[in-house]
């Protein structure tokens, strides 16, 4: 297959189904699952992922941009699509045209949407309970409810819910647990205050991936699962193997050449790696332009014939070199696994991220468009 001639990502949709079933089993009360498919479904390919999720009966989807929402709507004809990010009011007509739900982040945002709208726009209002990123910000839940009422009364806005986002729901630290509880308490206080004023909204939601796993609550009408849907965790050492979730993206590349280098030779740009003893290196047909971070230079590992091989020298834009001295019978045309399993060894995106101080979201979202996705 031509798409496997250089580098590619293999994605196992059966494992996605297994992860969905695990999260469905964790839902409490009447909580429904919202699958967050932003950033090309965390690098897994939004079209195929959304098609599979729709097949599995998922009704709620979360995205960040208008383009992501429209792309999702092209696949998911009848689902509910919430845009969690900011959409400029100039594009309000498309929100109605594609039956999208807009997250409102401020009174000013609501006013501008209302002014521009010709048809009713479905909305959820974001409340900032501690992230200090976007959303209505109030120390007093009465005042927050007052502002929400103002938005509800605006022309051509149809408010259907309120939501917030946890800052540290997955942390075992006592202060973080208390902070998460305070976020939950605040949004529920706002929701109850609205009900006391005879305003009954269909949705109040606050659970994210970590929230579902560690701070589950039947009071959240939606559970927004993001990175964990793809079997990954921002805290790999704590979560590995704990929840039965499986990763299902494997990143692979072809070996273009194998050569012997000698003591004193240097490898790649900047001569950051100097050979101490004769070694055998393999050049791989993948680099940082494909999404394998340059920060993994002289740090990362790949799998060749089921054996772990160190990255040597700087990762180039389109190529990288690894030490295959201990791998027998390796030759050009063989396949290296950069993320995934080969034999008894596995390299995970969350482990890779920990190698250079980042999270798995950045690793998988960073896999660029020139890497074809192959679904198995």
Protein backbone atom coordinates (compact mmCIF):
# COMPACT_ATOMS: atom_id res chain seq x y z
CA UNK A 1 0.00 0.00 0.00
CA UNK A 2 1.36 3.37 -0.98
CA UNK A 3 0.18 4.99 2.26
CA UNK A 4 2.53 2.65 4.13
CA UNK A 5 5.54 3.41 1.97
CA UNK A 6 7.11 5.91 4.38
CA UNK A 7 5.39 6.56 7.70
CA UNK A 8 1.84 6.10 8.88
CA UNK A 9 -0.45 5.74 11.90
CA UNK A 10 -2.51 2.61 12.45
CA UNK A 11 -5.74 3.07 14.41
CA UNK A 12 -7.73 0.17 15.86
CA UNK A 13 -11.40 1.15 16.03
CA UNK A 14 -12.34 -2.00 17.95
CA UNK A 15 -10.31 -0.73 20.90
CA UNK A 16 -12.12 2.60 20.67
CA UNK A 17 -15.37 0.68 21.09
CA UNK A 18 -13.95 -1.02 24.18
CA UNK A 19 -13.03 2.33 25.73
CA UNK A 20 -16.49 3.75 25.00
CA UNK A 21 -18.09 0.79 26.74
CA UNK A 22 -15.86 1.28 29.79
CA UNK A 23 -16.93 4.91 30.11
CA UNK A 24 -20.58 4.06 29.57
CA UNK A 25 -20.31 1.61 32.46
CA UNK A 26 -19.02 4.42 34.71
CA UNK A 27 -21.91 6.82 34.08
CA UNK A 28 -24.09 7.52 37.10
CA UNK A 29 -27.76 8.40 37.20
CA UNK A 30 -28.96 9.98 33.97
CA UNK A 31 -25.54 11.28 32.93
CA UNK A 32 -24.84 10.92 29.21
CA UNK A 33 -21.48 10.60 27.51
CA UNK A 34 -20.10 13.49 25.46
CA UNK A 35 -17.10 12.49 23.36
CA UNK A 36 -14.68 15.36 22.78
CA UNK A 37 -13.28 15.01 19.25
CA UNK A 38 -11.38 18.28 18.95
CA UNK A 39 -8.05 18.62 17.12
CA UNK A 40 -8.79 15.93 14.55
CA UNK A 41 -10.03 13.63 17.33
CA UNK A 42 -6.74 14.09 19.21
CA UNK A 43 -4.83 13.23 16.05
CA UNK A 44 -6.76 10.00 15.40
CA UNK A 45 -8.82 11.35 12.46
CA UNK A 46 -12.15 13.03 13.17
CA UNK A 47 -14.11 11.61 10.23
CA UNK A 48 -13.52 7.94 10.99
CA UNK A 49 -13.62 8.40 14.76
CA UNK A 50 -16.92 10.30 14.64
CA UNK A 51 -18.41 7.73 12.26
CA UNK A 52 -17.50 4.95 14.68
CA UNK A 53 -18.81 6.87 17.69
CA UNK A 54 -22.07 7.55 15.90
CA UNK A 55 -22.33 3.84 15.08
CA UNK A 56 -21.86 3.14 18.80
CA UNK A 57 -24.81 5.37 19.66
CA UNK A 58 -22.99 8.45 20.96
CA UNK A 59 -25.34 11.46 20.87
CA UNK A 60 -23.14 14.27 22.22
CA UNK A 61 -19.90 15.62 20.75
CA UNK A 62 -17.54 18.36 21.90
CA UNK A 63 -15.27 20.38 19.61
CA UNK A 64 -13.38 23.68 19.80
CA UNK A 65 -13.70 25.42 16.44
CA UNK A 66 -16.52 26.10 14.02
CA UNK A 67 -14.72 24.17 11.29
CA UNK A 68 -14.41 21.15 13.58
CA UNK A 69 -18.12 21.40 14.34
CA UNK A 70 -19.10 21.55 10.67
CA UNK A 71 -16.82 18.61 9.85
CA UNK A 72 -18.40 16.63 12.67
CA UNK A 73 -21.88 17.54 11.48
CA UNK A 74 -21.05 16.18 8.03
CA UNK A 75 -20.51 12.79 9.68
CA UNK A 76 -22.93 12.96 12.61
CA UNK A 77 -26.27 13.95 11.13
CA UNK A 78 -28.44 13.95 14.22
CA UNK A 79 -26.08 14.29 17.20
CA UNK A 80 -25.67 17.28 19.49
CA UNK A 81 -22.45 19.20 18.80
CA UNK A 82 -21.19 21.68 21.38
CA UNK A 83 -18.49 24.17 20.41
CA UNK A 84 -16.46 24.56 23.58
CA UNK A 85 -14.27 27.27 22.06
CA UNK A 86 -14.87 30.85 20.98
CA UNK A 87 -16.62 31.49 17.66
CA UNK A 88 -16.68 35.11 16.45
CA UNK A 89 -20.22 36.50 16.16
CA UNK A 90 -19.63 37.17 12.46
CA UNK A 91 -20.19 33.45 11.87
CA UNK A 92 -23.39 33.15 13.89
CA UNK A 93 -25.49 32.21 10.86
CA UNK A 94 -23.53 28.98 10.44
CA UNK A 95 -24.30 28.00 14.02
CA UNK A 96 -28.00 27.92 13.16
CA UNK A 97 -27.48 26.48 9.70
CA UNK A 98 -25.68 23.41 11.02
CA UNK A 99 -27.70 23.13 14.26
CA UNK A 100 -24.67 23.67 16.47
CA UNK A 101 -24.55 24.62 20.15
CA UNK A 102 -22.26 27.54 21.00
CA UNK A 103 -20.44 27.86 24.28
CA UNK A 104 -20.92 31.44 25.50
CA UNK A 105 -17.95 32.73 27.46
CA UNK A 106 -19.01 36.23 28.53
CA UNK A 107 -21.87 38.71 28.63
CA UNK A 108 -20.19 40.65 25.81
CA UNK A 109 -19.90 37.50 23.70
CA UNK A 110 -23.61 36.83 24.24
CA UNK A 111 -24.57 40.39 23.34
CA UNK A 112 -22.62 40.27 20.08
CA UNK A 113 -24.07 36.88 19.13
CA UNK A 114 -27.57 38.10 19.89
CA UNK A 115 -27.04 41.27 17.84
CA UNK A 116 -25.76 39.34 14.82
CA UNK A 117 -28.20 36.43 14.97
CA UNK A 118 -31.22 36.27 12.71
CA UNK A 119 -32.35 32.80 13.75
CA UNK A 120 -32.27 31.32 17.27
CA UNK A 121 -28.83 30.10 18.36
CA UNK A 122 -28.55 27.20 20.77
CA UNK A 123 -26.14 27.94 23.64
CA UNK A 124 -24.50 26.60 26.76
CA UNK A 125 -22.99 29.21 29.10
CA UNK A 126 -19.46 28.64 30.37
CA UNK A 127 -18.82 29.48 34.03
CA UNK A 128 -15.26 30.05 35.20
CA UNK A 129 -15.06 28.28 38.55
CA UNK A 130 -11.30 28.37 38.91
CA UNK A 131 -9.47 27.73 35.62
CA UNK A 132 -9.30 31.50 35.02
CA UNK A 133 -9.30 30.86 31.30
CA UNK A 134 -12.68 31.81 29.82
CA UNK A 135 -16.21 31.98 31.18
CA UNK A 136 -18.42 34.07 33.47
CA UNK A 137 -16.37 34.95 36.53
CA UNK A 138 -18.09 35.66 39.86
CA UNK A 139 -17.23 34.97 43.48
CA UNK A 140 -20.92 34.96 44.40
CA UNK A 141 -23.26 32.41 42.79
CA UNK A 142 -26.22 34.82 43.08
CA UNK A 143 -24.38 37.36 40.91
CA UNK A 144 -23.43 34.65 38.45
CA UNK A 145 -27.08 33.62 38.17
CA UNK A 146 -28.03 37.28 37.63
CA UNK A 147 -25.73 37.48 34.63
CA UNK A 148 -27.00 34.21 33.22
CA UNK A 149 -30.56 35.52 33.44
CA UNK A 150 -29.53 38.55 31.39
CA UNK A 151 -28.16 36.23 28.70
CA UNK A 152 -31.25 34.03 28.74
CA UNK A 153 -33.42 37.09 28.07
CA UNK A 154 -31.44 38.13 24.99
CA UNK A 155 -33.07 37.94 21.58
CA UNK A 156 -32.29 34.89 19.42
CA UNK A 157 -30.28 33.05 22.09
CA UNK A 158 -31.67 29.73 23.28
CA UNK A 159 -29.76 28.79 26.42
CA UNK A 160 -29.88 25.06 27.12
CA UNK A 161 -27.26 24.59 29.78
CA UNK A 162 -24.35 25.79 31.89
CA UNK A 163 -20.96 24.15 32.24
CA UNK A 164 -17.50 24.52 33.71
CA UNK A 165 -14.11 22.83 33.41
CA UNK A 166 -12.06 21.26 36.18
CA UNK A 167 -8.53 22.53 36.72
CA UNK A 168 -7.01 19.54 38.54
CA UNK A 169 -9.62 16.79 38.85
CA UNK A 170 -7.10 13.99 38.41
CA UNK A 171 -4.71 15.11 41.14
CA UNK A 172 -4.54 13.08 44.38
CA UNK A 173 -3.26 16.13 46.28
CA UNK A 174 -5.65 17.08 49.09
CA UNK A 175 -5.68 20.75 48.16
CA UNK A 176 -6.50 19.89 44.54
CA UNK A 177 -9.30 17.57 45.63
CA UNK A 178 -10.74 20.38 47.75
CA UNK A 179 -10.40 22.79 44.83
CA UNK A 180 -12.26 20.41 42.51
CA UNK A 181 -15.01 20.03 45.09
CA UNK A 182 -15.32 23.81 45.33
CA UNK A 183 -15.69 24.04 41.54
CA UNK A 184 -18.47 21.46 41.63
CA UNK A 185 -20.20 23.16 44.54
CA UNK A 186 -20.17 26.54 42.80
CA UNK A 187 -21.72 25.48 39.51
CA UNK A 188 -24.36 23.40 41.28
CA UNK A 189 -25.16 26.39 43.50
CA UNK A 190 -25.66 28.49 40.36
CA UNK A 191 -27.87 25.80 38.82
CA UNK A 192 -29.97 25.50 41.98
CA UNK A 193 -30.28 29.28 42.17
CA UNK A 194 -31.62 29.35 38.62
CA UNK A 195 -34.17 26.68 39.48
CA UNK A 196 -35.26 28.71 42.50
CA UNK A 197 -36.06 31.46 39.97
CA UNK A 198 -38.12 29.01 37.87
CA UNK A 199 -35.39 28.68 35.22
CA UNK A 200 -34.96 25.01 34.36
CA UNK A 201 -32.11 24.23 31.97
CA UNK A 202 -31.70 20.76 30.46
CA UNK A 203 -27.96 20.62 31.16
CA UNK A 204 -25.42 21.37 33.85
CA UNK A 205 -22.10 19.64 33.19
CA UNK A 206 -18.66 19.70 34.74
CA UNK A 207 -17.13 16.23 34.42
CA UNK A 208 -14.10 15.87 32.15
CA UNK A 209 -11.95 12.75 31.59
CA UNK A 210 -10.31 12.93 35.00
CA UNK A 211 -13.59 13.95 36.58
CA UNK A 212 -15.32 10.81 35.33
CA UNK A 213 -12.53 8.61 36.64
CA UNK A 214 -11.88 10.28 39.98
CA UNK A 215 -14.69 12.75 40.81
CA UNK A 216 -17.74 11.10 39.29
CA UNK A 217 -21.14 12.61 40.00
CA UNK A 218 -24.70 11.85 38.84
CA UNK A 219 -25.46 15.58 39.03
CA UNK A 220 -23.50 16.30 35.84
CA UNK A 221 -25.91 15.72 32.96
CA UNK A 222 -23.01 15.23 30.54
CA UNK A 223 -19.62 13.60 31.06
CA UNK A 224 -17.11 15.10 28.61
CA UNK A 225 -14.47 12.47 27.93
CA UNK A 226 -11.45 13.63 25.95
CA UNK A 227 -7.93 12.22 26.06
CA UNK A 228 -8.96 9.19 28.15
CA UNK A 229 -11.30 8.09 25.35
CA UNK A 230 -8.12 7.38 23.40
CA UNK A 231 -6.63 5.35 26.26
CA UNK A 232 -4.12 8.00 27.28
CA UNK A 233 -3.48 9.82 30.54
CA UNK A 234 -1.79 13.02 31.58
CA UNK A 235 -0.45 11.11 34.59
CA UNK A 236 0.85 7.88 33.06
CA UNK A 237 2.62 6.54 36.15
CA UNK A 238 -0.53 6.85 38.25
CA UNK A 239 -3.08 5.65 35.71
CA UNK A 240 -1.31 2.94 33.67
CA UNK A 241 -3.40 -0.20 33.53
CA UNK A 242 -5.74 1.13 36.21
CA UNK A 243 -8.94 1.63 34.25
CA UNK A 244 -8.73 -1.02 31.53
CA UNK A 245 -8.57 1.66 28.84
CA UNK A 246 -6.47 0.87 25.79
CA UNK A 247 -4.50 3.08 23.44
CA UNK A 248 -5.26 2.38 19.80
CA UNK A 249 -2.96 4.57 17.71
CA UNK A 250 0.38 3.19 16.54
CA UNK A 251 2.92 5.35 14.73
CA UNK A 252 5.27 3.53 12.37
CA UNK A 253 8.01 4.36 9.89
CA UNK A 254 10.15 2.52 7.39
CA UNK A 255 13.91 2.11 7.78
CA UNK A 256 15.56 3.62 4.71
CA UNK A 257 19.19 2.65 5.39
CA UNK A 258 21.34 0.78 7.88
CA UNK A 259 25.02 1.65 8.21
CA UNK A 260 28.00 1.10 10.48
CA UNK A 261 29.55 4.10 12.19
CA UNK A 262 32.88 4.16 14.01
CA UNK A 263 34.39 5.64 17.15
CA UNK A 264 34.69 9.41 16.81
CA UNK A 265 31.95 9.75 14.20
CA UNK A 266 29.18 12.23 14.98
CA UNK A 267 25.52 11.88 14.06
CA UNK A 268 23.05 14.44 12.73
CA UNK A 269 22.88 18.25 12.99
CA UNK A 270 24.99 19.99 15.57
CA UNK A 271 27.06 16.85 16.22
CA UNK A 272 25.24 16.31 19.53
CA UNK A 273 25.97 12.59 19.53
CA UNK A 274 29.50 11.24 19.20
CA UNK A 275 30.09 7.53 18.68
CA UNK A 276 32.19 5.93 21.45
CA UNK A 277 32.31 2.41 20.02
CA UNK A 278 31.48 0.98 16.62
CA UNK A 279 27.73 0.81 16.25
CA UNK A 280 25.02 0.12 13.71
CA UNK A 281 22.49 2.88 13.09
CA UNK A 282 19.25 2.90 11.12
CA UNK A 283 17.77 5.94 9.43
CA UNK A 284 13.98 6.23 9.74
CA UNK A 285 11.73 8.02 7.25
CA UNK A 286 10.05 10.29 9.81
CA UNK A 287 10.95 13.51 11.61
CA UNK A 288 9.65 16.50 13.50
CA UNK A 289 7.65 17.72 10.48
CA UNK A 290 5.63 14.52 10.90
CA UNK A 291 5.11 15.10 14.60
CA UNK A 292 7.95 13.23 16.25
CA UNK A 293 9.29 15.95 18.51
CA UNK A 294 12.80 17.28 18.13
CA UNK A 295 12.85 17.36 21.94
CA UNK A 296 13.23 13.57 21.81
CA UNK A 297 16.68 13.92 20.23
CA UNK A 298 19.11 11.64 22.12
CA UNK A 299 16.23 10.71 24.48
CA UNK A 300 13.51 8.81 22.69
CA UNK A 301 13.29 5.11 21.92
CA UNK A 302 11.65 3.16 19.09
CA UNK A 303 10.93 -0.54 18.59
CA UNK A 304 12.65 -2.53 15.87
CA UNK A 305 11.94 -6.27 15.67
CA UNK A 306 10.51 -6.04 19.18
CA UNK A 307 13.64 -4.47 20.66
CA UNK A 308 14.01 -0.98 22.15
CA UNK A 309 16.44 1.22 20.22
CA UNK A 310 17.69 4.65 21.31
CA UNK A 311 17.32 7.77 19.20
CA UNK A 312 20.82 9.08 18.47
CA UNK A 313 21.57 12.60 17.32
CA UNK A 314 19.05 15.31 16.63
CA UNK A 315 15.71 14.44 15.09
CA UNK A 316 15.65 16.03 11.62
CA UNK A 317 12.66 17.50 9.80
CA UNK A 318 12.02 14.34 7.76
CA UNK A 319 14.38 11.71 9.18
CA UNK A 320 15.89 10.41 12.40
CA UNK A 321 18.53 7.89 13.40
CA UNK A 322 18.40 5.11 15.97
CA UNK A 323 20.95 2.68 17.39
CA UNK A 324 20.15 -0.84 16.13
CA UNK A 325 23.45 -2.42 17.15
CA UNK A 326 21.72 -5.13 19.19
CA UNK A 327 19.03 -5.91 16.61
CA UNK A 328 19.94 -8.88 14.38
CA UNK A 329 19.10 -9.00 10.68
CA UNK A 330 17.80 -5.44 10.46
CA UNK A 331 17.79 -3.95 6.98
CA UNK A 332 16.28 -1.24 4.78
CA UNK A 333 12.54 -1.73 4.34
CA UNK A 334 11.97 -3.00 7.88
CA UNK A 335 9.38 -1.17 9.98
CA UNK A 336 10.09 0.71 13.22
CA UNK A 337 7.36 1.41 15.77
CA UNK A 338 7.57 4.86 17.37
CA UNK A 339 4.28 4.59 19.26
CA UNK A 340 2.66 1.24 19.87
CA UNK A 341 3.51 -2.38 20.57
CA UNK A 342 5.99 -4.73 18.90
CA UNK A 343 6.38 -8.15 20.49
CA UNK A 344 6.55 -7.80 24.26
CA UNK A 345 7.62 -4.16 24.21
CA UNK A 346 5.42 -1.07 24.05
CA UNK A 347 6.04 2.65 23.65
CA UNK A 348 3.10 4.82 24.71
CA UNK A 349 2.40 8.41 23.80
CA UNK A 350 2.04 9.34 27.48
CA UNK A 351 5.44 7.78 28.24
CA UNK A 352 6.98 9.66 25.31
CA UNK A 353 5.49 12.89 26.60
CA UNK A 354 6.99 12.32 30.02
CA UNK A 355 10.40 12.01 28.33
CA UNK A 356 10.40 15.68 27.37
CA UNK A 357 8.05 17.24 29.87
CA UNK A 358 4.73 17.31 28.09
CA UNK A 359 1.37 15.55 28.07
CA UNK A 360 0.06 12.87 25.68
CA UNK A 361 -2.39 15.32 24.15
CA UNK A 362 0.51 17.25 22.65
CA UNK A 363 2.16 14.06 21.40
CA UNK A 364 -0.82 12.63 19.48
CA UNK A 365 -2.23 16.00 18.38
CA UNK A 366 1.21 16.82 17.02
CA UNK A 367 1.13 13.98 14.47
CA UNK A 368 0.82 16.03 11.31
CA UNK A 369 -1.42 15.74 8.29
CA UNK A 370 1.22 14.24 6.06
CA UNK A 371 1.07 11.07 8.15
CA UNK A 372 -1.77 8.96 6.68
CA UNK A 373 -4.14 7.31 9.14
CA UNK A 374 -4.82 3.65 8.42
CA UNK A 375 -7.86 2.10 10.15
CA UNK A 376 -7.72 -1.54 11.16
